[in-house]
């Protein structure tokens, strides 16, 4: 277990914060570019695509609670991702981010192309 390892091994088993930031920004940039490059003024609404995967009507008419809730999901994920202490946890949380963003892109595309 990680707690039983000597401190120098735990340090070697970490991903540097700079690499985490680069990977996080790259994933978000790729997702935003894959959604609709010509719609940059609406980029702040991008997290609503997460709800649109399940219920497009709720994503369009859910109000501020849904809008803020979508942001909270990503803020909570980022908190745990950047605080992850081991490579395995960072990789798992990065994969979760990729899955969230894939769903988000699909939901945004559904909302854009349904109008």
C-alpha atoms as a PDB file:
ATOM      1  CA  UNK A   1       0.000   0.000   0.000  1.00  0.00           C
ATOM      2  CA  UNK A   2       1.044   3.588  -0.546  1.00  0.00           C
ATOM      3  CA  UNK A   3       1.077   4.363   3.204  1.00  0.00           C
ATOM      4  CA  UNK A   4       3.585   1.564   3.871  1.00  0.00           C
ATOM      5  CA  UNK A   5       6.007   2.710   1.170  1.00  0.00           C
ATOM      6  CA  UNK A   6       8.983   4.847   2.114  1.00  0.00           C
ATOM      7  CA  UNK A   7       8.536   8.591   1.436  1.00  0.00           C
ATOM      8  CA  UNK A   8      11.011   8.617  -1.475  1.00  0.00           C
ATOM      9  CA  UNK A   9       9.019   5.898  -3.280  1.00  0.00           C
ATOM     10  CA  UNK A  10       5.781   7.821  -2.741  1.00  0.00           C
ATOM     11  CA  UNK A  11       7.376  10.911  -4.318  1.00  0.00           C
ATOM     12  CA  UNK A  12       8.527   8.881  -7.324  1.00  0.00           C
ATOM     13  CA  UNK A  13       5.002   7.524  -7.752  1.00  0.00           C
ATOM     14  CA  UNK A  14       3.481  10.992  -8.302  1.00  0.00           C
ATOM     15  CA  UNK A  15       2.689  12.876 -11.471  1.00  0.00           C
ATOM     16  CA  UNK A  16       4.097  16.421 -11.284  1.00  0.00           C
ATOM     17  CA  UNK A  17       1.460  19.141 -10.976  1.00  0.00           C
ATOM     18  CA  UNK A  18       2.623  20.815 -14.187  1.00  0.00           C
ATOM     19  CA  UNK A  19       1.917  17.652 -16.175  1.00  0.00           C
ATOM     20  CA  UNK A  20      -1.522  17.348 -14.581  1.00  0.00           C
ATOM     21  CA  UNK A  21      -2.346  20.927 -15.534  1.00  0.00           C
ATOM     22  CA  UNK A  22      -1.187  20.426 -19.127  1.00  0.00           C
ATOM     23  CA  UNK A  23      -3.229  17.219 -19.479  1.00  0.00           C
ATOM     24  CA  UNK A  24      -6.318  18.857 -17.941  1.00  0.00           C
ATOM     25  CA  UNK A  25      -6.163  21.928 -20.172  1.00  0.00           C
ATOM     26  CA  UNK A  26      -5.515  19.779 -23.253  1.00  0.00           C
ATOM     27  CA  UNK A  27      -8.564  17.604 -22.524  1.00  0.00           C
ATOM     28  CA  UNK A  28     -10.801  20.644 -22.057  1.00  0.00           C
ATOM     29  CA  UNK A  29      -9.453  22.360 -25.173  1.00  0.00           C
ATOM     30  CA  UNK A  30      -9.988  19.252 -27.282  1.00  0.00           C
ATOM     31  CA  UNK A  31     -13.538  18.880 -25.962  1.00  0.00           C
ATOM     32  CA  UNK A  32     -14.387  22.510 -26.643  1.00  0.00           C
ATOM     33  CA  UNK A  33     -12.948  22.322 -30.148  1.00  0.00           C
ATOM     34  CA  UNK A  34     -14.835  19.096 -30.847  1.00  0.00           C
ATOM     35  CA  UNK A  35     -18.146  20.624 -29.813  1.00  0.00           C
ATOM     36  CA  UNK A  36     -18.615  23.678 -32.004  1.00  0.00           C
ATOM     37  CA  UNK A  37     -15.609  25.855 -32.811  1.00  0.00           C
ATOM     38  CA  UNK A  38     -17.754  28.681 -34.184  1.00  0.00           C
ATOM     39  CA  UNK A  39     -19.780  29.088 -31.013  1.00  0.00           C
ATOM     40  CA  UNK A  40     -17.136  30.490 -28.645  1.00  0.00           C
ATOM     41  CA  UNK A  41     -19.482  33.115 -27.138  1.00  0.00           C
ATOM     42  CA  UNK A  42     -21.519  30.232 -25.675  1.00  0.00           C
ATOM     43  CA  UNK A  43     -18.537  28.305 -24.265  1.00  0.00           C
ATOM     44  CA  UNK A  44     -19.543  29.167 -20.679  1.00  0.00           C
ATOM     45  CA  UNK A  45     -22.624  26.950 -21.217  1.00  0.00           C
ATOM     46  CA  UNK A  46     -20.516  23.938 -22.212  1.00  0.00           C
ATOM     47  CA  UNK A  47     -21.052  22.009 -18.922  1.00  0.00           C
ATOM     48  CA  UNK A  48     -24.801  21.838 -19.637  1.00  0.00           C
ATOM     49  CA  UNK A  49     -24.003  19.181 -22.234  1.00  0.00           C
ATOM     50  CA  UNK A  50     -23.433  16.814 -19.336  1.00  0.00           C
ATOM     51  CA  UNK A  51     -27.136  16.969 -18.475  1.00  0.00           C
ATOM     52  CA  UNK A  52     -28.216  16.956 -22.114  1.00  0.00           C
ATOM     53  CA  UNK A  53     -26.858  13.424 -22.487  1.00  0.00           C
ATOM     54  CA  UNK A  54     -29.619  12.259 -20.167  1.00  0.00           C
ATOM     55  CA  UNK A  55     -32.365  14.836 -20.694  1.00  0.00           C
ATOM     56  CA  UNK A  56     -32.102  17.526 -23.357  1.00  0.00           C
ATOM     57  CA  UNK A  57     -35.179  19.373 -22.113  1.00  0.00           C
ATOM     58  CA  UNK A  58     -33.749  19.661 -18.608  1.00  0.00           C
ATOM     59  CA  UNK A  59     -30.446  20.968 -19.993  1.00  0.00           C
ATOM     60  CA  UNK A  60     -32.252  23.652 -21.984  1.00  0.00           C
ATOM     61  CA  UNK A  61     -34.809  24.670 -19.361  1.00  0.00           C
ATOM     62  CA  UNK A  62     -33.350  23.483 -16.056  1.00  0.00           C
ATOM     63  CA  UNK A  63     -32.531  26.909 -14.687  1.00  0.00           C
ATOM     64  CA  UNK A  64     -29.675  28.116 -12.550  1.00  0.00           C
ATOM     65  CA  UNK A  65     -29.661  25.063 -10.273  1.00  0.00           C
ATOM     66  CA  UNK A  66     -28.838  22.708 -13.130  1.00  0.00           C
ATOM     67  CA  UNK A  67     -26.349  25.177 -14.602  1.00  0.00           C
ATOM     68  CA  UNK A  68     -24.459  25.598 -11.313  1.00  0.00           C
ATOM     69  CA  UNK A  69     -24.725  21.864 -10.577  1.00  0.00           C
ATOM     70  CA  UNK A  70     -22.905  21.063 -13.813  1.00  0.00           C
ATOM     71  CA  UNK A  71     -20.087  23.395 -12.849  1.00  0.00           C
ATOM     72  CA  UNK A  72     -19.918  21.849  -9.369  1.00  0.00           C
ATOM     73  CA  UNK A  73     -19.366  18.401 -10.909  1.00  0.00           C
ATOM     74  CA  UNK A  74     -16.306  19.644 -12.765  1.00  0.00           C
ATOM     75  CA  UNK A  75     -15.005  21.697  -9.839  1.00  0.00           C
ATOM     76  CA  UNK A  76     -15.290  18.701  -7.499  1.00  0.00           C
ATOM     77  CA  UNK A  77     -13.591  16.478 -10.060  1.00  0.00           C
ATOM     78  CA  UNK A  78     -10.760  18.990 -10.498  1.00  0.00           C
ATOM     79  CA  UNK A  79     -10.305  19.207  -6.739  1.00  0.00           C
ATOM     80  CA  UNK A  80      -9.791  15.465  -6.417  1.00  0.00           C
ATOM     81  CA  UNK A  81      -7.747  15.192  -9.618  1.00  0.00           C
ATOM     82  CA  UNK A  82      -5.222  17.849  -8.651  1.00  0.00           C
ATOM     83  CA  UNK A  83      -4.961  16.556  -5.086  1.00  0.00           C
ATOM     84  CA  UNK A  84      -4.405  12.940  -6.156  1.00  0.00           C
ATOM     85  CA  UNK A  85      -1.235  11.611  -4.571  1.00  0.00           C
ATOM     86  CA  UNK A  86      -0.506   8.563  -6.708  1.00  0.00           C
ATOM     87  CA  UNK A  87      -0.136   7.985 -10.415  1.00  0.00           C
ATOM     88  CA  UNK A  88      -2.885   5.363 -10.405  1.00  0.00           C
ATOM     89  CA  UNK A  89      -5.432   7.737  -8.848  1.00  0.00           C
ATOM     90  CA  UNK A  90      -4.465  10.547 -11.210  1.00  0.00           C
ATOM     91  CA  UNK A  91      -4.850   8.265 -14.235  1.00  0.00           C
ATOM     92  CA  UNK A  92      -8.234   6.960 -13.067  1.00  0.00           C
ATOM     93  CA  UNK A  93      -9.498  10.490 -12.402  1.00  0.00           C
ATOM     94  CA  UNK A  94      -8.176  11.649 -15.776  1.00  0.00           C
ATOM     95  CA  UNK A  95     -10.088   8.810 -17.451  1.00  0.00           C
ATOM     96  CA  UNK A  96     -13.214   9.935 -15.572  1.00  0.00           C
ATOM     97  CA  UNK A  97     -12.629  13.456 -16.919  1.00  0.00           C
ATOM     98  CA  UNK A  98     -12.351  12.119 -20.458  1.00  0.00           C
ATOM     99  CA  UNK A  99     -15.618  10.195 -20.057  1.00  0.00           C
ATOM    100  CA  UNK A 100     -17.370  13.267 -18.634  1.00  0.00           C
ATOM    101  CA  UNK A 101     -16.101  15.427 -21.477  1.00  0.00           C
ATOM    102  CA  UNK A 102     -17.097  12.862 -24.112  1.00  0.00           C
ATOM    103  CA  UNK A 103     -20.615  12.836 -22.700  1.00  0.00           C
ATOM    104  CA  UNK A 104     -20.567  16.595 -22.536  1.00  0.00           C
ATOM    105  CA  UNK A 105     -19.539  16.934 -26.187  1.00  0.00           C
ATOM    106  CA  UNK A 106     -22.251  14.483 -27.235  1.00  0.00           C
ATOM    107  CA  UNK A 107     -24.866  16.371 -25.219  1.00  0.00           C
ATOM    108  CA  UNK A 108     -23.811  19.748 -26.607  1.00  0.00           C
ATOM    109  CA  UNK A 109     -23.863  18.470 -30.162  1.00  0.00           C
ATOM    110  CA  UNK A 110     -27.355  17.079 -29.561  1.00  0.00           C
ATOM    111  CA  UNK A 111     -28.561  20.447 -28.248  1.00  0.00           C
ATOM    112  CA  UNK A 112     -26.912  22.395 -31.093  1.00  0.00           C
ATOM    113  CA  UNK A 113     -28.071  20.180 -33.932  1.00  0.00           C
ATOM    114  CA  UNK A 114     -31.619  19.755 -32.669  1.00  0.00           C
ATOM    115  CA  UNK A 115     -32.492  23.405 -33.311  1.00  0.00           C
END
